[in-house]
Amino acid sequence: MLWTVTIACLLLAGLVFRQLFRREEEQELAGEDAGLAILEFGRAFPDEAIREMITTANGRTVFLRLHDGKAGCMNAHGHHYSCHLIEPGTVRVNGAGPKRLDVKFANAAYEGGTFEFRDERDAAEVSLWLLGSFMPGIAGLDPQAAGRPH
């Protein structure tokens, strides 16, 4: 009987320590600095310049605003990232709550899903990036002449 209780206590202690270690590992992944994301995306797409980055609330996905009207997405898979270049018109975005976006990629369906952000501002900003609304300008349109009637 004593051996049974001892083995049960050891198994219980092992489960508790495993859960604590898993939580610490998730927090460590969520707290990684932006430098790793920049390096990984730069390796995958060396010709793309990153202008801004926003991570999801759990830190497992990073959305990137690029210099030429495109966006990028990086999903953490363990200790490495899968990098995805998003061009305007290849993504569908639906609001799934004030801080959540439901994203579907036409050319990489496995990368899509529902993403939760730290606040509503981050979710709104990423939705604009993904929808291509941050285009720097319309070709052939003079910004000063835009307000004048023709």
Protein backbone atom coordinates (compact mmCIF):
# COMPACT_ATOMS: atom_id res chain seq x y z
CA MET A 1 0.00 0.00 0.00
CA LEU A 2 2.86 2.39 0.82
CA TRP A 3 4.42 1.82 -2.61
CA THR A 4 1.14 2.61 -4.34
CA VAL A 5 0.80 5.92 -2.48
CA THR A 6 4.46 6.78 -3.17
CA ILE A 7 4.12 6.09 -6.89
CA ALA A 8 0.86 8.08 -7.08
CA CYS A 9 2.52 11.05 -5.32
CA LEU A 10 5.50 10.92 -7.71
CA LEU A 11 3.21 10.84 -10.74
CA LEU A 12 1.18 13.77 -9.38
CA ALA A 13 4.35 15.78 -8.71
CA GLY A 14 5.58 15.02 -12.24
CA LEU A 15 2.33 16.28 -13.75
CA VAL A 16 2.47 19.49 -11.70
CA PHE A 17 6.08 20.20 -12.70
CA ARG A 18 5.31 19.46 -16.35
CA GLN A 19 2.42 21.96 -16.35
CA LEU A 20 4.59 24.61 -14.69
CA PHE A 21 7.38 24.06 -17.21
CA ARG A 22 4.92 24.29 -20.13
CA ARG A 23 3.54 27.63 -18.83
CA GLU A 24 7.05 29.03 -18.43
CA GLU A 25 7.93 27.95 -21.98
CA GLU A 26 4.79 29.60 -23.41
CA GLN A 27 5.54 32.81 -21.53
CA GLU A 28 9.13 32.70 -22.80
CA LEU A 29 7.95 32.32 -26.40
CA ALA A 30 5.42 35.14 -25.97
CA GLY A 31 8.07 37.42 -24.52
CA GLU A 32 10.67 36.99 -27.26
CA ASP A 33 11.90 40.29 -28.61
CA ALA A 34 11.13 41.70 -32.02
CA GLY A 35 14.71 41.12 -33.17
CA LEU A 36 14.15 37.39 -33.68
CA ALA A 37 11.08 38.03 -35.82
CA ILE A 38 12.97 40.59 -37.91
CA LEU A 39 15.87 38.17 -38.45
CA GLU A 40 13.62 35.24 -39.37
CA PHE A 41 11.51 37.26 -41.81
CA GLY A 42 14.67 38.82 -43.28
CA ARG A 43 16.07 35.35 -43.94
CA ALA A 44 12.89 34.22 -45.65
CA PHE A 45 12.36 37.45 -47.65
CA PRO A 46 15.65 39.36 -47.88
CA ASP A 47 14.31 42.00 -50.30
CA GLU A 48 11.41 43.12 -48.07
CA ALA A 49 11.83 46.03 -45.66
CA ILE A 50 9.81 45.91 -42.43
CA ARG A 51 8.13 49.15 -41.36
CA GLU A 52 6.13 48.02 -38.33
CA MET A 53 5.28 44.87 -36.35
CA ILE A 54 2.33 43.87 -34.16
CA THR A 55 2.16 40.60 -32.23
CA THR A 56 -0.94 38.76 -31.11
CA ALA A 57 -1.87 38.62 -27.42
CA ASN A 58 -0.23 35.21 -26.97
CA GLY A 59 2.89 36.25 -28.92
CA ARG A 60 2.69 33.25 -31.25
CA THR A 61 1.90 35.27 -34.40
CA VAL A 62 3.57 38.43 -35.69
CA PHE A 63 2.00 40.62 -38.37
CA LEU A 64 4.38 42.86 -40.31
CA ARG A 65 3.76 45.99 -42.34
CA LEU A 66 6.17 46.08 -45.27
CA HIS A 67 7.50 49.02 -47.27
CA ASP A 68 5.68 48.45 -50.56
CA GLY A 69 2.04 47.98 -49.59
CA LYS A 70 2.32 44.33 -48.67
CA ALA A 71 2.06 42.68 -45.30
CA GLY A 72 3.71 39.66 -43.74
CA CYS A 73 2.64 37.07 -41.22
CA MET A 74 4.83 34.85 -39.06
CA ASN A 75 3.46 31.95 -37.02
CA ALA A 76 5.57 30.37 -34.30
CA HIS A 77 5.85 26.59 -34.49
CA GLY A 78 7.92 25.59 -31.51
CA HIS A 79 11.25 27.40 -31.75
CA HIS A 80 10.95 28.39 -35.42
CA TYR A 81 8.60 30.52 -37.51
CA SER A 82 6.74 29.98 -40.75
CA CYS A 83 6.90 33.21 -42.75
CA HIS A 84 4.21 34.25 -45.20
CA LEU A 85 4.22 37.23 -47.57
CA ILE A 86 0.72 38.67 -48.04
CA GLU A 87 0.02 40.69 -51.14
CA PRO A 88 -3.07 42.93 -51.45
CA GLY A 89 -6.11 40.99 -52.61
CA THR A 90 -5.00 37.59 -51.28
CA VAL A 91 -6.59 37.80 -47.84
CA ARG A 92 -10.08 37.92 -46.33
CA VAL A 93 -10.56 39.56 -42.92
CA ASN A 94 -13.66 39.47 -40.70
CA GLY A 95 -14.07 40.96 -37.25
CA ALA A 96 -14.56 38.29 -34.60
CA GLY A 97 -14.83 40.67 -31.64
CA PRO A 98 -13.29 43.96 -30.56
CA LYS A 99 -9.78 42.51 -30.23
CA ARG A 100 -10.07 39.55 -32.59
CA LEU A 101 -9.75 39.05 -36.33
CA ASP A 102 -10.73 36.04 -38.40
CA VAL A 103 -8.19 35.87 -41.23
CA LYS A 104 -8.28 33.60 -44.28
CA PHE A 105 -5.40 33.56 -46.76
CA ALA A 106 -6.16 32.59 -50.37
CA ASN A 107 -2.67 31.26 -51.06
CA ALA A 108 -1.88 29.71 -47.64
CA ALA A 109 -5.05 28.42 -45.98
CA TYR A 110 -3.12 26.67 -43.18
CA GLU A 111 -1.77 30.04 -41.93
CA GLY A 112 -5.23 31.54 -41.34
CA GLY A 113 -7.35 31.47 -38.23
CA THR A 114 -8.71 33.68 -35.49
CA PHE A 115 -6.13 35.99 -33.94
CA GLU A 116 -6.57 37.92 -30.69
CA PHE A 117 -4.61 41.11 -30.09
CA ARG A 118 -3.69 43.01 -26.91
CA ASP A 119 -6.13 45.85 -27.66
CA GLU A 120 -8.65 47.07 -30.24
CA ARG A 121 -6.17 49.51 -31.78
CA ASP A 122 -3.74 46.72 -32.73
CA ALA A 123 -6.57 44.64 -34.25
CA ALA A 124 -7.79 47.61 -36.29
CA GLU A 125 -4.28 48.46 -37.48
CA VAL A 126 -3.56 44.89 -38.62
CA SER A 127 -6.91 44.70 -40.42
CA LEU A 128 -5.98 47.83 -42.38
CA TRP A 129 -2.60 46.34 -43.29
CA LEU A 130 -4.16 43.10 -44.44
CA LEU A 131 -6.85 44.78 -46.48
CA GLY A 132 -4.30 46.93 -48.28
CA SER A 133 -5.73 50.20 -46.94
CA PHE A 134 -2.32 51.53 -46.02
CA MET A 135 -1.22 51.99 -49.64
CA PRO A 136 1.07 55.04 -49.68
CA GLY A 137 -0.69 56.72 -52.60
CA ILE A 138 -2.66 56.26 -55.75
CA ALA A 139 -0.55 56.33 -58.91
CA GLY A 140 -1.03 59.48 -60.95
CA LEU A 141 -2.89 61.37 -58.24
CA ASP A 142 -1.35 64.61 -56.99
CA PRO A 143 -2.13 64.89 -53.23
CA GLN A 144 -2.46 68.68 -53.44
CA ALA A 145 -4.80 68.50 -56.43
CA ALA A 146 -6.99 65.87 -54.80
CA GLY A 147 -9.02 68.47 -52.90
CA ARG A 148 -9.65 70.68 -55.97
CA PRO A 149 -12.55 70.06 -58.33
CA HIS A 150 -11.59 69.34 -61.94
